[in-house]
Amino acid sequence: MTVELSTLRWRKSARSGTASNCVELARVGAAVAVRDSKNPAGPVLVFPSARLAAFLTGVR
């Protein structure tokens, strides 16, 4: 699947404020794209939504 990353709606935690030291997420169909807000043109990781949800549950 090829996705134009600039068209995605990137989101980050409201708790991060205006800082640029955040992880940003964007929905891509049944998956979630993840990037570093300090480098929006840098690499993007894409995970199936269920796998990312399981990871976040484990981290909490």
N, C-alpha and C. Protein backbone atom coordinates (compact mmCIF):
# COMPACT_ATOMS: atom_id res chain seq x y z
N MET A 1 0.85 -1.17 0.00
CA MET A 1 0.00 0.00 0.00
C MET A 1 0.89 1.24 0.00
N THR A 2 0.60 2.17 -0.87
CA THR A 2 1.31 3.44 -0.92
C THR A 2 0.38 4.53 -0.41
N VAL A 3 0.90 5.34 0.51
CA VAL A 3 0.10 6.40 1.12
C VAL A 3 0.87 7.71 1.02
N GLU A 4 0.18 8.77 0.66
CA GLU A 4 0.78 10.10 0.65
C GLU A 4 0.75 10.63 2.09
N LEU A 5 1.89 10.62 2.76
CA LEU A 5 1.96 10.96 4.18
C LEU A 5 1.53 12.39 4.47
N SER A 6 1.73 13.29 3.54
CA SER A 6 1.37 14.69 3.79
C SER A 6 -0.14 14.89 3.88
N THR A 7 -0.92 13.93 3.40
CA THR A 7 -2.38 14.06 3.45
C THR A 7 -2.98 13.48 4.72
N LEU A 8 -2.16 12.81 5.52
CA LEU A 8 -2.68 12.20 6.75
C LEU A 8 -2.96 13.25 7.81
N ARG A 9 -3.88 12.93 8.70
CA ARG A 9 -4.20 13.82 9.83
C ARG A 9 -3.39 13.33 11.03
N TRP A 10 -2.25 13.95 11.26
CA TRP A 10 -1.36 13.56 12.34
C TRP A 10 -1.86 14.15 13.66
N ARG A 11 -1.78 13.32 14.72
CA ARG A 11 -2.24 13.75 16.04
C ARG A 11 -1.19 13.42 17.08
N LYS A 12 -1.17 14.22 18.14
CA LYS A 12 -0.29 13.94 19.27
C LYS A 12 -1.05 14.26 20.55
N SER A 13 -0.51 13.87 21.65
CA SER A 13 -1.15 14.08 22.94
C SER A 13 -1.31 15.57 23.22
N ALA A 14 -2.46 15.94 23.76
CA ALA A 14 -2.69 17.32 24.17
C ALA A 14 -1.75 17.71 25.31
N ARG A 15 -1.28 16.73 26.06
CA ARG A 15 -0.37 17.00 27.18
C ARG A 15 1.01 17.43 26.71
N SER A 16 1.31 17.21 25.45
CA SER A 16 2.64 17.57 24.95
C SER A 16 2.78 19.07 24.72
N GLY A 17 1.67 19.79 24.69
CA GLY A 17 1.72 21.24 24.50
C GLY A 17 2.33 21.60 23.16
N THR A 18 3.18 22.63 23.16
CA THR A 18 3.79 23.07 21.91
C THR A 18 5.16 22.45 21.68
N ALA A 19 5.58 21.57 22.57
CA ALA A 19 6.88 20.92 22.43
C ALA A 19 6.92 20.05 21.18
N SER A 20 8.11 19.90 20.64
CA SER A 20 8.28 19.06 19.45
C SER A 20 9.00 17.76 19.78
N ASN A 21 8.81 17.28 20.98
CA ASN A 21 9.44 16.03 21.41
C ASN A 21 8.38 14.97 21.60
N CYS A 22 7.61 14.72 20.56
CA CYS A 22 6.43 13.87 20.70
C CYS A 22 6.40 12.79 19.64
N VAL A 23 5.59 11.81 19.92
CA VAL A 23 5.25 10.79 18.93
C VAL A 23 3.90 11.20 18.35
N GLU A 24 3.79 11.20 17.03
CA GLU A 24 2.53 11.54 16.37
C GLU A 24 1.97 10.29 15.70
N LEU A 25 0.64 10.19 15.70
CA LEU A 25 -0.05 9.05 15.10
C LEU A 25 -1.03 9.54 14.04
N ALA A 26 -1.25 8.69 13.03
CA ALA A 26 -2.24 8.98 12.00
C ALA A 26 -2.86 7.66 11.54
N ARG A 27 -4.17 7.66 11.35
CA ARG A 27 -4.85 6.46 10.84
C ARG A 27 -4.57 6.30 9.36
N VAL A 28 -4.32 5.05 8.97
CA VAL A 28 -4.11 4.70 7.57
C VAL A 28 -4.93 3.44 7.32
N GLY A 29 -6.20 3.62 7.00
CA GLY A 29 -7.08 2.46 6.83
C GLY A 29 -7.19 1.69 8.13
N ALA A 30 -6.82 0.40 8.10
CA ALA A 30 -6.88 -0.45 9.30
C ALA A 30 -5.55 -0.46 10.05
N ALA A 31 -4.71 0.52 9.77
CA ALA A 31 -3.40 0.59 10.40
C ALA A 31 -3.20 1.99 11.00
N VAL A 32 -2.08 2.13 11.71
CA VAL A 32 -1.73 3.42 12.31
C VAL A 32 -0.28 3.73 11.95
N ALA A 33 -0.05 4.93 11.45
CA ALA A 33 1.30 5.39 11.15
C ALA A 33 1.84 6.14 12.36
N VAL A 34 3.13 5.98 12.64
CA VAL A 34 3.77 6.60 13.80
C VAL A 34 5.02 7.33 13.31
N ARG A 35 5.21 8.57 13.79
CA ARG A 35 6.42 9.32 13.43
C ARG A 35 6.86 10.19 14.60
N ASP A 36 8.07 10.71 14.51
CA ASP A 36 8.65 11.61 15.50
C ASP A 36 8.32 13.04 15.09
N SER A 37 7.71 13.81 15.97
CA SER A 37 7.31 15.18 15.63
C SER A 37 8.51 16.10 15.36
N LYS A 38 9.68 15.75 15.88
CA LYS A 38 10.88 16.56 15.62
C LYS A 38 11.33 16.44 14.17
N ASN A 39 10.94 15.35 13.51
CA ASN A 39 11.39 15.09 12.15
C ASN A 39 10.22 14.57 11.31
N PRO A 40 9.24 15.42 11.00
CA PRO A 40 8.06 14.95 10.28
C PRO A 40 8.35 14.40 8.89
N ALA A 41 9.48 14.75 8.31
CA ALA A 41 9.84 14.21 6.99
C ALA A 41 10.66 12.94 7.12
N GLY A 42 10.92 12.51 8.35
CA GLY A 42 11.74 11.32 8.60
C GLY A 42 10.95 10.04 8.43
N PRO A 43 11.51 8.94 8.91
CA PRO A 43 10.88 7.64 8.74
C PRO A 43 9.54 7.54 9.47
N VAL A 44 8.66 6.74 8.90
CA VAL A 44 7.33 6.49 9.47
C VAL A 44 7.18 4.99 9.63
N LEU A 45 6.72 4.57 10.79
CA LEU A 45 6.42 3.15 11.04
C LEU A 45 4.92 2.97 10.93
N VAL A 46 4.49 1.85 10.34
CA VAL A 46 3.06 1.57 10.20
C VAL A 46 2.78 0.22 10.85
N PHE A 47 1.79 0.22 11.75
CA PHE A 47 1.41 -0.97 12.50
C PHE A 47 -0.08 -1.26 12.31
N PRO A 48 -0.48 -2.53 12.28
CA PRO A 48 -1.91 -2.83 12.32
C PRO A 48 -2.50 -2.23 13.60
N SER A 49 -3.69 -1.68 13.52
CA SER A 49 -4.31 -1.00 14.67
C SER A 49 -4.36 -1.88 15.91
N ALA A 50 -4.72 -3.15 15.75
CA ALA A 50 -4.83 -4.05 16.91
C ALA A 50 -3.48 -4.27 17.57
N ARG A 51 -2.42 -4.36 16.79
CA ARG A 51 -1.08 -4.57 17.36
C ARG A 51 -0.62 -3.33 18.14
N LEU A 52 -0.88 -2.16 17.59
CA LEU A 52 -0.50 -0.93 18.29
C LEU A 52 -1.31 -0.78 19.57
N ALA A 53 -2.59 -1.10 19.53
CA ALA A 53 -3.44 -1.03 20.73
C ALA A 53 -2.92 -1.97 21.81
N ALA A 54 -2.52 -3.18 21.43
CA ALA A 54 -1.98 -4.14 22.39
C ALA A 54 -0.67 -3.62 22.98
N PHE A 55 0.17 -3.03 22.16
CA PHE A 55 1.42 -2.45 22.64
C PHE A 55 1.16 -1.34 23.66
N LEU A 56 0.25 -0.42 23.32
CA LEU A 56 -0.05 0.69 24.22
C LEU A 56 -0.66 0.22 25.53
N THR A 57 -1.50 -0.81 25.47
CA THR A 57 -2.07 -1.39 26.69
C THR A 57 -0.96 -1.95 27.57
N GLY A 58 -0.01 -2.63 26.96
CA GLY A 58 1.11 -3.19 27.71
C GLY A 58 2.00 -2.13 28.33
N VAL A 59 2.18 -1.03 27.65
CA VAL A 59 3.02 0.06 28.14
C VAL A 59 2.39 0.75 29.34
N ARG A 60 1.07 0.89 29.29
CA ARG A 60 0.37 1.57 30.39
C ARG A 60 0.46 0.74 31.64
